[in-house]
C-alpha atoms as a PDB file:
ATOM      1  CA  MET A   1     120.277 224.005 267.259  1.00  0.00           C
ATOM      2  CA  GLU A   2     120.967 223.937 263.661  1.00  0.00           C
ATOM      3  CA  LEU A   3     121.170 220.054 264.070  1.00  0.00           C
ATOM      4  CA  LEU A   4     117.454 220.074 265.773  1.00  0.00           C
ATOM      5  CA  LEU A   5     116.343 222.621 262.800  1.00  0.00           C
ATOM      6  CA  ALA A   6     117.689 220.207 260.405  1.00  0.00           C
ATOM      7  CA  ALA A   7     116.201 217.030 262.074  1.00  0.00           C
ATOM      8  CA  ALA A   8     112.630 218.725 262.250  1.00  0.00           C
ATOM      9  CA  LEU A   9     112.952 219.787 258.761  1.00  0.00           C
ATOM     10  CA  LEU A  10     113.616 216.105 257.476  1.00  0.00           C
ATOM     11  CA  ALA A  11     110.934 214.978 259.276  1.00  0.00           C
ATOM     12  CA  VAL A  12     108.505 217.359 257.757  1.00  0.00           C
ATOM     13  CA  CYS A  13     109.802 216.620 254.602  1.00  0.00           C
ATOM     14  CA  ALA A  14     110.061 212.972 254.900  1.00  0.00           C
ATOM     15  CA  VAL A  15     106.237 212.513 255.859  1.00  0.00           C
ATOM     16  CA  PRO A  16     104.534 213.845 252.185  1.00  0.00           C
ATOM     17  CA  ILE A  17     107.738 211.037 250.955  1.00  0.00           C
ATOM     18  CA  VAL A  18     106.058 208.253 252.858  1.00  0.00           C
ATOM     19  CA  GLU A  19     102.585 208.750 252.430  1.00  0.00           C
ATOM     20  CA  GLY A  20     103.129 208.997 248.572  1.00  0.00           C
ATOM     21  CA  THR A  21     105.397 206.077 248.529  1.00  0.00           C
ATOM     22  CA  THR A  22     102.146 204.098 250.404  1.00  0.00           C
ATOM     23  CA  TYR A  23      99.500 205.494 247.907  1.00  0.00           C
ATOM     24  CA  ALA A  24     101.733 203.995 245.307  1.00  0.00           C
ATOM     25  CA  LEU A  25     102.175 200.694 246.750  1.00  0.00           C
ATOM     26  CA  ASP A  26      98.363 200.067 247.514  1.00  0.00           C
ATOM     27  CA  LEU A  27      97.555 201.377 243.885  1.00  0.00           C
ATOM     28  CA  ALA A  28      99.931 198.830 242.456  1.00  0.00           C
ATOM     29  CA  GLN A  29      98.691 196.320 244.795  1.00  0.00           C
ATOM     30  CA  GLU A  30      95.010 197.083 243.346  1.00  0.00           C
ATOM     31  CA  ILE A  31      95.985 197.136 239.370  1.00  0.00           C
ATOM     32  CA  LYS A  32      97.556 193.727 240.095  1.00  0.00           C
ATOM     33  CA  MET A  33      94.288 192.509 241.409  1.00  0.00           C
ATOM     34  CA  ARG A  34      92.334 193.996 238.676  1.00  0.00           C
ATOM     35  CA  THR A  35      94.798 192.377 235.940  1.00  0.00           C
ATOM     36  CA  ARG A  36      94.313 189.107 237.459  1.00  0.00           C
ATOM     37  CA  ALA A  37      90.995 189.624 237.722  1.00  0.00           C
ATOM     38  CA  THR A  38      90.763 190.493 234.073  1.00  0.00           C
ATOM     39  CA  LEU A  39      92.646 187.435 232.800  1.00  0.00           C
ATOM     40  CA  LEU A  40      90.707 184.960 234.549  1.00  0.00           C
ATOM     41  CA  ALA A  41      87.498 186.389 233.226  1.00  0.00           C
ATOM     42  CA  GLN A  42      89.064 186.303 229.727  1.00  0.00           C
ATOM     43  CA  GLN A  43      90.016 182.384 230.168  1.00  0.00           C
ATOM     44  CA  GLU A  44      86.465 182.055 231.630  1.00  0.00           C
ATOM     45  CA  MET A  45      84.827 183.913 228.481  1.00  0.00           C
ATOM     46  CA  GLU A  46      86.942 182.081 226.001  1.00  0.00           C
ATOM     47  CA  ALA A  47      86.087 178.288 228.044  1.00  0.00           C
ATOM     48  CA  ALA A  48      82.178 179.197 227.677  1.00  0.00           C
ATOM     49  CA  MET A  49      82.577 180.539 224.124  1.00  0.00           C
ATOM     50  CA  ALA A  50      84.119 177.302 223.555  1.00  0.00           C
ATOM     51  CA  ILE A  51      81.355 174.995 225.171  1.00  0.00           C
ATOM     52  CA  ALA A  52      78.899 177.043 223.098  1.00  0.00           C
ATOM     53  CA  ALA A  53      80.452 176.574 220.027  1.00  0.00           C
ATOM     54  CA  GLU A  54      80.633 172.841 220.456  1.00  0.00           C
ATOM     55  CA  ASP A  55      77.646 172.788 221.958  1.00  0.00           C
ATOM     56  CA  PHE A  56      75.033 175.467 221.445  1.00  0.00           C
ATOM     57  CA  ASP A  57      71.851 173.920 223.559  1.00  0.00           C
ATOM     58  CA  GLN A  58      74.242 173.169 226.858  1.00  0.00           C
ATOM     59  CA  THR A  59      73.574 175.999 229.223  1.00  0.00           C
ATOM     60  CA  LEU A  60      76.579 177.398 231.312  1.00  0.00           C
ATOM     61  CA  SER A  61      76.507 178.326 234.975  1.00  0.00           C
ATOM     62  CA  LYS A  62      78.977 178.954 237.633  1.00  0.00           C
ATOM     63  CA  ASP A  63      77.942 180.416 241.160  1.00  0.00           C
ATOM     64  CA  SER A  64      81.004 181.587 243.058  1.00  0.00           C
ATOM     65  CA  GLU A  65      83.304 179.161 241.591  1.00  0.00           C
ATOM     66  CA  ASP A  66      86.519 179.067 243.242  1.00  0.00           C
ATOM     67  CA  LEU A  67      89.536 180.209 240.927  1.00  0.00           C
ATOM     68  CA  GLY A  68      92.178 180.312 243.657  1.00  0.00           C
ATOM     69  CA  ASP A  69      93.402 183.079 245.664  1.00  0.00           C
ATOM     70  CA  ASN A  70      90.791 183.966 247.233  1.00  0.00           C
ATOM     71  CA  PHE A  71      89.475 184.907 243.445  1.00  0.00           C
ATOM     72  CA  LEU A  72      85.786 183.576 242.500  1.00  0.00           C
ATOM     73  CA  VAL A  73      83.767 183.559 239.049  1.00  0.00           C
ATOM     74  CA  THR A  74      80.130 183.470 238.252  1.00  0.00           C
ATOM     75  CA  ILE A  75      78.712 182.685 235.243  1.00  0.00           C
ATOM     76  CA  SER A  76      75.503 183.099 233.744  1.00  0.00           C
ATOM     77  CA  SER A  77      73.814 182.235 230.158  1.00  0.00           C
ATOM     78  CA  VAL A  78      70.637 183.569 228.652  1.00  0.00           C
ATOM     79  CA  ARG A  79      69.241 182.079 225.478  1.00  0.00           C
ATOM     80  CA  THR A  80      67.030 183.903 223.367  1.00  0.00           C
ATOM     81  CA  ASP A  81      66.181 182.303 220.138  1.00  0.00           C
ATOM     82  CA  LEU A  82      69.201 182.105 218.016  1.00  0.00           C
ATOM     83  CA  CYS A  83      71.683 183.603 220.614  1.00  0.00           C
ATOM     84  CA  ASN A  84      73.185 182.800 223.838  1.00  0.00           C
ATOM     85  CA  THR A  85      74.322 185.690 226.276  1.00  0.00           C
ATOM     86  CA  PHE A  86      77.458 185.004 228.383  1.00  0.00           C
ATOM     87  CA  THR A  87      78.124 186.886 231.524  1.00  0.00           C
ATOM     88  CA  VAL A  88      81.193 186.468 233.528  1.00  0.00           C
ATOM     89  CA  GLU A  89      82.093 188.078 236.608  1.00  0.00           C
ATOM     90  CA  VAL A  90      85.515 187.788 238.299  1.00  0.00           C
ATOM     91  CA  GLY A  91      86.042 189.051 241.876  1.00  0.00           C
ATOM     92  CA  ARG A  92      88.073 188.706 244.902  1.00  0.00           C
ATOM     93  CA  ASP A  93      86.388 187.184 247.880  1.00  0.00           C
ATOM     94  CA  THR A  94      87.256 189.805 250.551  1.00  0.00           C
ATOM     95  CA  ASN A  95      84.595 188.813 253.529  1.00  0.00           C
ATOM     96  CA  ARG A  96      85.510 185.171 253.203  1.00  0.00           C
ATOM     97  CA  ASN A  97      81.971 183.802 252.650  1.00  0.00           C
ATOM     98  CA  SER A  98      82.492 181.984 249.825  1.00  0.00           C
ATOM     99  CA  GLN A  99      80.205 184.125 247.711  1.00  0.00           C
ATOM    100  CA  LEU A 100      80.811 186.607 244.793  1.00  0.00           C
ATOM    101  CA  ASP A 101      78.825 189.563 246.431  1.00  0.00           C
ATOM    102  CA  THR A 102      78.425 192.442 244.043  1.00  0.00           C
ATOM    103  CA  ASP A 103      80.662 195.003 245.551  1.00  0.00           C
ATOM    104  CA  GLU A 104      83.472 192.463 245.285  1.00  0.00           C
ATOM    105  CA  VAL A 105      83.174 192.159 241.629  1.00  0.00           C
ATOM    106  CA  LEU A 106      86.444 193.361 239.948  1.00  0.00           C
ATOM    107  CA  VAL A 107      85.657 192.673 236.629  1.00  0.00           C
ATOM    108  CA  ALA A 108      82.709 191.781 234.218  1.00  0.00           C
ATOM    109  CA  PHE A 109      82.717 190.654 230.815  1.00  0.00           C
ATOM    110  CA  MET A 110      79.241 189.913 228.473  1.00  0.00           C
ATOM    111  CA  THR A 111      79.105 188.312 224.997  1.00  0.00           C
ATOM    112  CA  ARG A 112      76.762 186.791 222.580  1.00  0.00           C
ATOM    113  CA  VAL A 113      77.303 183.494 220.568  1.00  0.00           C
ATOM    114  CA  ALA A 114      74.864 183.067 217.739  1.00  0.00           C
ATOM    115  CA  ASP A 115      73.617 179.623 216.723  1.00  0.00           C
ATOM    116  CA  MET A 116      75.284 179.040 213.621  1.00  0.00           C
ATOM    117  CA  THR A 117      73.578 175.499 212.896  1.00  0.00           C
ATOM    118  CA  THR A 118      70.249 176.881 211.785  1.00  0.00           C
ATOM    119  CA  TYR A 119      71.877 178.962 208.828  1.00  0.00           C
END
């Protein structure tokens, strides 16, 4: 009887521990994906800024370009007077349609680059 009671008590105590561990592993996976998306977005933003610094008049855009491991990038640029505004969005293609949908975006960066040749 005591052995049965101890086994039942152990089972009751083990359930929250297993649930907590599962939640922690899922959270760690989410953090890993967001960190990877942030690094990829930073790389793409730096490349876009380098292109703008070299040739300000060049328009830069990418539409759901594959970055590997189901990560996609979308880059858009808008030119106004003496500024180029770049927006970089990186996300994971969870529905596998080769398009970066708004609900799949994990990180988005925006910056402005000024045309320094006119000064």
